[in-house]
């Protein structure tokens, strides 16, 4: 059985995102991008964050966010 929890992230600056209560790993991400026109796009990165992740480290999700 897997338990899925949705955690909202805030964009801090550039490619840095923050949350008030970081979960333990491993982590798989799903991102919802919305335009001002109301178009929504779900993106599922190809790379997961490893179980032994550390705060302040950088992990490559394989997704490039332009805006």
Protein backbone atom coordinates (compact mmCIF):
# COMPACT_ATOMS: atom_id res chain seq x y z
CA UNK A 1 0.00 0.00 0.00
CA UNK A 2 1.30 3.44 -0.91
CA UNK A 3 0.24 6.65 0.76
CA UNK A 4 0.34 9.76 -1.38
CA UNK A 5 0.43 13.21 0.15
CA UNK A 6 0.17 16.49 -1.71
CA UNK A 7 2.59 19.15 -0.45
CA UNK A 8 2.39 22.64 -1.84
CA UNK A 9 5.68 24.35 -2.64
CA UNK A 10 6.46 28.04 -2.90
CA UNK A 11 8.98 29.31 -5.42
CA UNK A 12 11.73 31.01 -3.42
CA UNK A 13 13.93 32.18 -6.29
CA UNK A 14 15.13 30.71 -9.59
CA UNK A 15 14.96 26.94 -9.34
CA UNK A 16 14.66 26.95 -5.52
CA UNK A 17 11.36 25.82 -4.01
CA UNK A 18 10.45 25.78 -0.31
CA UNK A 19 7.91 24.08 1.95
CA UNK A 20 7.13 24.51 5.63
CA UNK A 21 7.12 20.79 6.43
CA UNK A 22 9.53 18.80 4.25
CA UNK A 23 8.68 15.11 3.85
CA UNK A 24 11.09 12.22 4.19
CA UNK A 25 12.29 10.55 0.99
CA UNK A 26 12.39 9.07 -1.54
CA UNK A 27 10.24 11.64 -3.29
CA UNK A 28 8.47 11.56 -6.63
CA UNK A 29 7.21 14.86 -7.94
CA UNK A 30 4.25 15.91 -10.04
CA UNK A 31 4.03 19.55 -11.01
CA UNK A 32 0.98 21.47 -12.18
CA UNK A 33 1.76 24.51 -14.31
CA UNK A 34 -1.02 27.00 -15.03
CA UNK A 35 -1.12 29.90 -17.46
CA UNK A 36 -2.99 33.16 -17.05
CA UNK A 37 -5.38 31.84 -19.73
CA UNK A 38 -6.39 28.97 -17.46
CA UNK A 39 -4.51 26.25 -19.33
CA UNK A 40 -3.11 23.60 -16.98
CA UNK A 41 -0.27 21.17 -17.74
CA UNK A 42 0.87 18.34 -15.46
CA UNK A 43 4.57 17.46 -15.64
CA UNK A 44 6.03 14.31 -14.09
CA UNK A 45 9.84 14.51 -13.83
CA UNK A 46 11.88 11.54 -15.01
CA UNK A 47 14.20 11.73 -11.97
CA UNK A 48 12.99 11.12 -8.41
CA UNK A 49 14.65 12.61 -5.35
CA UNK A 50 16.61 9.87 -3.53
CA UNK A 51 15.70 8.48 -0.12
CA UNK A 52 18.80 9.97 1.50
CA UNK A 53 18.16 13.54 0.26
CA UNK A 54 19.45 16.43 2.34
CA UNK A 55 18.07 19.95 2.79
CA UNK A 56 20.12 22.55 0.95
CA UNK A 57 21.39 20.07 -1.65
CA UNK A 58 20.53 20.26 -5.35
CA UNK A 59 18.76 17.43 -7.17
CA UNK A 60 18.11 17.35 -10.92
CA UNK A 61 14.49 16.47 -11.70
CA UNK A 62 15.12 16.55 -15.43
CA UNK A 63 12.54 19.37 -15.84
CA UNK A 64 13.38 22.86 -17.11
CA UNK A 65 11.01 25.61 -15.91
CA UNK A 66 11.26 28.73 -18.05
CA UNK A 67 8.93 31.12 -16.23
